[in-house]
N, C-alpha and C. Protein backbone atom coordinates (compact mmCIF):
# COMPACT_ATOMS: atom_id res chain seq x y z
N UNK A 1 -32.66 213.57 56.67
CA UNK A 1 -33.10 212.54 57.67
C UNK A 1 -32.27 211.34 58.09
N UNK A 2 -31.90 210.77 59.52
CA UNK A 2 -30.76 209.99 59.65
C UNK A 2 -30.88 208.59 59.54
N UNK A 3 -30.06 208.40 58.81
CA UNK A 3 -30.08 206.84 58.87
C UNK A 3 -30.34 205.72 59.85
N UNK A 4 -30.42 205.95 61.53
CA UNK A 4 -30.47 205.36 62.45
C UNK A 4 -31.93 205.72 62.46
N UNK A 5 -32.56 206.88 62.14
CA UNK A 5 -34.08 207.29 62.38
C UNK A 5 -34.78 206.17 61.02
N UNK A 6 -34.54 205.42 59.77
CA UNK A 6 -34.41 204.63 58.95
C UNK A 6 -34.74 203.58 59.66
N UNK A 7 -33.82 203.00 59.81
CA UNK A 7 -33.63 201.62 60.65
C UNK A 7 -34.55 201.17 61.88
N UNK A 8 -34.82 202.33 62.63
CA UNK A 8 -35.63 202.21 63.83
C UNK A 8 -36.95 202.00 63.55
N UNK A 9 -37.38 202.93 62.04
CA UNK A 9 -38.63 202.40 61.78
C UNK A 9 -39.39 200.67 60.70
N UNK A 10 -37.61 200.68 60.30
CA UNK A 10 -38.10 199.00 60.09
C UNK A 10 -38.37 198.80 60.49
N UNK A 11 -36.67 198.75 61.89
CA UNK A 11 -37.25 197.71 63.01
C UNK A 11 -38.71 198.08 63.41
N UNK A 12 -39.79 199.09 63.35
CA UNK A 12 -41.32 199.30 63.81
C UNK A 12 -42.05 198.63 62.98
N UNK A 13 -41.61 198.16 61.65
CA UNK A 13 -42.55 197.33 61.58
C UNK A 13 -42.89 198.05 59.65
N UNK A 14 -42.03 199.48 59.68
CA UNK A 14 -42.89 200.17 58.32
C UNK A 14 -42.06 200.27 57.28
N UNK A 15 -42.85 200.00 56.39
CA UNK A 15 -41.74 199.63 54.80
C UNK A 15 -41.79 201.57 54.03
N UNK A 16 -42.05 201.85 53.74
CA UNK A 16 -42.64 203.58 53.16
C UNK A 16 -42.69 204.68 53.71
N UNK A 17 -42.30 205.51 52.62
CA UNK A 17 -42.79 207.01 53.50
C UNK A 17 -43.36 207.32 52.03
N UNK A 18 -44.44 207.74 52.63
CA UNK A 18 -45.81 208.83 51.61
C UNK A 18 -45.45 209.48 51.84
N UNK A 19 -44.55 210.79 51.18
CA UNK A 19 -44.95 212.49 51.76
C UNK A 19 -44.49 212.32 52.72
N UNK A 20 -43.67 211.53 53.02
CA UNK A 20 -42.87 211.82 54.26
C UNK A 20 -43.27 211.62 55.83
N UNK A 21 -44.31 210.50 55.15
CA UNK A 21 -45.29 209.51 56.70
C UNK A 21 -45.00 207.94 56.51
N UNK A 22 -44.74 207.59 57.33
CA UNK A 22 -44.76 206.19 57.30
C UNK A 22 -45.93 205.61 57.30
N UNK A 23 -45.41 203.96 55.86
CA UNK A 23 -46.56 203.33 56.71
C UNK A 23 -46.31 202.35 56.47
N UNK A 24 -47.11 201.57 56.46
CA UNK A 24 -47.41 199.86 56.36
C UNK A 24 -48.05 199.20 55.49
N UNK A 25 -47.43 198.72 54.64
CA UNK A 25 -47.66 197.96 53.03
C UNK A 25 -47.96 196.24 53.69
N UNK A 26 -49.43 196.15 53.39
CA UNK A 26 -49.93 194.86 53.62
C UNK A 26 -49.80 194.21 52.31
N UNK A 27 -49.30 192.78 52.14
CA UNK A 27 -49.23 192.13 50.87
C UNK A 27 -48.02 192.46 50.44
N UNK A 28 -48.13 192.11 49.11
CA UNK A 28 -46.18 191.93 48.68
C UNK A 28 -46.16 193.66 48.11
N UNK A 29 -44.76 193.94 48.66
CA UNK A 29 -43.99 195.28 48.14
C UNK A 29 -44.46 196.20 46.99
N UNK A 30 -43.92 195.10 46.09
CA UNK A 30 -43.95 195.77 44.44
C UNK A 30 -44.37 195.28 43.81
N UNK A 31 -45.73 195.07 44.99
CA UNK A 31 -46.71 194.96 43.39
C UNK A 31 -47.52 195.97 44.03
N UNK A 32 -47.22 196.18 45.48
CA UNK A 32 -47.81 197.46 46.16
C UNK A 32 -47.80 198.61 45.19
N UNK A 33 -46.21 199.11 45.18
CA UNK A 33 -45.60 199.64 44.71
C UNK A 33 -46.16 200.41 42.76
N UNK A 34 -45.82 199.04 42.08
CA UNK A 34 -46.19 198.59 41.28
C UNK A 34 -47.87 199.40 40.53
N UNK A 35 -48.79 199.41 41.78
CA UNK A 35 -49.96 199.85 41.39
C UNK A 35 -50.39 201.21 41.44
N UNK A 36 -48.78 202.17 42.24
CA UNK A 36 -49.16 203.22 42.56
C UNK A 36 -48.82 204.71 41.13
N UNK A 37 -49.74 205.63 41.45
CA UNK A 37 -48.27 206.34 39.88
C UNK A 37 -47.73 207.30 39.91
N UNK A 38 -46.44 207.52 39.36
CA UNK A 38 -44.98 207.32 39.12
C UNK A 38 -44.53 208.30 40.20
N UNK A 39 -45.76 209.91 40.32
CA UNK A 39 -46.06 210.74 41.12
C UNK A 39 -46.38 210.75 42.54
N UNK A 40 -45.97 209.24 43.32
CA UNK A 40 -46.83 209.22 44.89
C UNK A 40 -46.44 209.68 45.21
N UNK A 41 -44.93 210.03 45.62
CA UNK A 41 -44.02 210.43 46.54
C UNK A 41 -43.97 209.49 47.70
N UNK A 42 -43.67 208.21 47.02
CA UNK A 42 -43.31 207.08 47.29
C UNK A 42 -41.85 206.70 47.87
N UNK A 43 -40.94 206.64 49.17
CA UNK A 43 -40.32 206.22 49.39
C UNK A 43 -39.49 204.63 50.20
N UNK A 44 -39.10 203.80 49.88
CA UNK A 44 -39.01 202.40 49.47
C UNK A 44 -37.74 202.72 51.12
N UNK A 45 -37.93 202.92 52.29
CA UNK A 45 -37.21 201.88 53.20
C UNK A 45 -36.29 201.45 53.50
N UNK A 46 -35.62 200.13 52.85
CA UNK A 46 -35.06 199.62 53.07
C UNK A 46 -33.98 199.67 51.35
N UNK A 47 -34.40 200.52 50.58
CA UNK A 47 -34.14 200.89 49.72
C UNK A 47 -33.02 202.71 50.33
N UNK A 48 -33.89 203.35 51.06
CA UNK A 48 -32.83 204.98 51.84
C UNK A 48 -32.29 204.11 52.29
N UNK A 49 -31.37 203.02 52.93
CA UNK A 49 -30.16 202.74 54.05
C UNK A 49 -29.58 202.38 52.95
N UNK A 50 -29.17 202.56 51.20
CA UNK A 50 -28.65 202.33 50.73
C UNK A 50 -27.74 203.80 50.24
N UNK A 51 -28.45 205.21 50.43
CA UNK A 51 -28.12 205.91 50.47
C UNK A 51 -27.39 206.72 50.59
N UNK A 52 -26.86 207.66 50.70
CA UNK A 52 -25.66 208.60 51.06
C UNK A 52 -26.13 209.56 52.44
N UNK A 53 -25.64 209.96 53.22
CA UNK A 53 -25.97 210.49 54.35
C UNK A 53 -25.97 211.82 53.89
N UNK A 54 -25.43 212.42 52.42
CA UNK A 54 -25.72 213.73 52.23
C UNK A 54 -27.35 213.17 51.12
N UNK A 55 -27.73 212.59 50.69
CA UNK A 55 -28.68 212.28 50.39
C UNK A 55 -30.16 211.90 51.47
N UNK A 56 -30.05 211.08 52.27
CA UNK A 56 -30.92 210.98 53.36
C UNK A 56 -30.89 212.17 53.86
N UNK A 57 -30.38 213.41 54.14
CA UNK A 57 -30.38 214.36 54.17
C UNK A 57 -31.17 215.78 53.94
N UNK A 58 -31.85 215.56 52.28
CA UNK A 58 -32.71 216.08 51.61
C UNK A 58 -33.66 215.48 52.43
N UNK A 59 -34.17 213.76 52.73
CA UNK A 59 -35.36 213.65 52.85
C UNK A 59 -36.89 214.58 53.96
N UNK A 60 -37.80 214.76 54.01
CA UNK A 60 -38.68 215.57 54.90
C UNK A 60 -39.53 214.71 55.77
N UNK A 61 -39.82 214.01 56.24
CA UNK A 61 -40.70 213.92 57.21
C UNK A 61 -41.54 214.59 57.92
N UNK A 62 -43.05 213.36 57.55
CA UNK A 62 -44.02 214.87 58.38
C UNK A 62 -44.23 214.62 59.74
């Protein structure tokens, strides 16, 4: 996944990738994340912007 694609998703209002699918989170993002199982396959888009290009390249989008 490329940084530009992540920024586009953020600009479109998405907050997370869940198993490669972008989703909008209603309410508090961190409360929502705390309510999930540890193995939920969720990545926070804003945090992905801090990842290296090599790390981003390993992300598969559905």
